[in-house]
């Protein structure tokens, strides 16, 4: 199983994780708005990554 498939199965098995990733993505995108063009994209990716990394802590 590849890492991407592993992440997808983890998200599918925990619905709360998907909601947290979406929330953190939105926050990251809003925070990164001042950076032209790619700021919101990287902010959203960083937010989702943080939520995924913290999945076992909550």
C-alpha atoms as a PDB file:
ATOM      1  CA  UNK A   1       0.000   0.000   0.000  1.00  0.00           C
ATOM      2  CA  UNK A   2       1.389   3.391  -0.935  1.00  0.00           C
ATOM      3  CA  UNK A   3       1.573   6.276   1.535  1.00  0.00           C
ATOM      4  CA  UNK A   4      -1.220   8.136  -0.297  1.00  0.00           C
ATOM      5  CA  UNK A   5      -3.548   5.139  -0.056  1.00  0.00           C
ATOM      6  CA  UNK A   6      -2.681   4.785   3.629  1.00  0.00           C
ATOM      7  CA  UNK A   7      -3.565   8.438   4.289  1.00  0.00           C
ATOM      8  CA  UNK A   8      -6.819   8.127   2.338  1.00  0.00           C
ATOM      9  CA  UNK A   9      -7.881   5.057   4.301  1.00  0.00           C
ATOM     10  CA  UNK A  10      -7.015   6.803   7.583  1.00  0.00           C
ATOM     11  CA  UNK A  11      -9.172   9.798   6.658  1.00  0.00           C
ATOM     12  CA  UNK A  12     -12.072   7.595   5.530  1.00  0.00           C
ATOM     13  CA  UNK A  13     -11.997   5.587   8.742  1.00  0.00           C
ATOM     14  CA  UNK A  14     -12.131   8.709  10.952  1.00  0.00           C
ATOM     15  CA  UNK A  15     -14.782  11.243   9.815  1.00  0.00           C
ATOM     16  CA  UNK A  16     -13.736  13.719  12.505  1.00  0.00           C
ATOM     17  CA  UNK A  17     -10.238  13.813  11.029  1.00  0.00           C
ATOM     18  CA  UNK A  18     -11.627  14.930   7.658  1.00  0.00           C
ATOM     19  CA  UNK A  19     -13.578  17.738   9.306  1.00  0.00           C
ATOM     20  CA  UNK A  20     -10.522  18.866  11.276  1.00  0.00           C
ATOM     21  CA  UNK A  21      -8.395  18.816   8.117  1.00  0.00           C
ATOM     22  CA  UNK A  22     -10.974  20.962   6.315  1.00  0.00           C
ATOM     23  CA  UNK A  23     -11.106  23.427   9.223  1.00  0.00           C
ATOM     24  CA  UNK A  24      -7.329  23.708   9.472  1.00  0.00           C
ATOM     25  CA  UNK A  25      -7.084  24.065   5.676  1.00  0.00           C
ATOM     26  CA  UNK A  26      -9.483  26.997   5.726  1.00  0.00           C
ATOM     27  CA  UNK A  27      -7.595  28.661   8.569  1.00  0.00           C
ATOM     28  CA  UNK A  28      -4.272  28.144   6.790  1.00  0.00           C
ATOM     29  CA  UNK A  29      -5.636  29.604   3.563  1.00  0.00           C
ATOM     30  CA  UNK A  30      -7.008  32.683   5.313  1.00  0.00           C
ATOM     31  CA  UNK A  31      -3.751  33.275   7.189  1.00  0.00           C
ATOM     32  CA  UNK A  32      -1.729  32.986   3.960  1.00  0.00           C
ATOM     33  CA  UNK A  33      -3.883  35.372   1.873  1.00  0.00           C
ATOM     34  CA  UNK A  34      -1.291  38.193   1.976  1.00  0.00           C
ATOM     35  CA  UNK A  35       1.139  36.024  -0.012  1.00  0.00           C
ATOM     36  CA  UNK A  36       0.264  36.516  -3.701  1.00  0.00           C
ATOM     37  CA  UNK A  37      -1.143  33.673  -5.844  1.00  0.00           C
ATOM     38  CA  UNK A  38       0.180  30.538  -4.107  1.00  0.00           C
ATOM     39  CA  UNK A  39      -0.172  31.640  -0.477  1.00  0.00           C
ATOM     40  CA  UNK A  40      -3.679  30.275   0.122  1.00  0.00           C
ATOM     41  CA  UNK A  41      -2.835  26.983  -1.599  1.00  0.00           C
ATOM     42  CA  UNK A  42       0.242  26.366   0.527  1.00  0.00           C
ATOM     43  CA  UNK A  43      -1.581  27.615   3.614  1.00  0.00           C
ATOM     44  CA  UNK A  44      -4.394  25.128   3.014  1.00  0.00           C
ATOM     45  CA  UNK A  45      -1.935  22.281   2.456  1.00  0.00           C
ATOM     46  CA  UNK A  46      -0.034  23.198   5.606  1.00  0.00           C
ATOM     47  CA  UNK A  47      -3.262  23.356   7.623  1.00  0.00           C
ATOM     48  CA  UNK A  48      -4.374  19.925   6.428  1.00  0.00           C
ATOM     49  CA  UNK A  49      -0.933  18.497   7.139  1.00  0.00           C
ATOM     50  CA  UNK A  50      -0.989  19.867  10.678  1.00  0.00           C
ATOM     51  CA  UNK A  51      -4.426  18.354  11.331  1.00  0.00           C
ATOM     52  CA  UNK A  52      -3.287  14.996   9.938  1.00  0.00           C
ATOM     53  CA  UNK A  53      -0.088  15.068  11.990  1.00  0.00           C
ATOM     54  CA  UNK A  54      -2.038  15.838  15.187  1.00  0.00           C
ATOM     55  CA  UNK A  55      -4.684  13.122  14.557  1.00  0.00           C
ATOM     56  CA  UNK A  56      -3.522  10.910  17.448  1.00  0.00           C
ATOM     57  CA  UNK A  57      -3.253  13.752  19.936  1.00  0.00           C
ATOM     58  CA  UNK A  58      -6.963  14.503  20.151  1.00  0.00           C
END
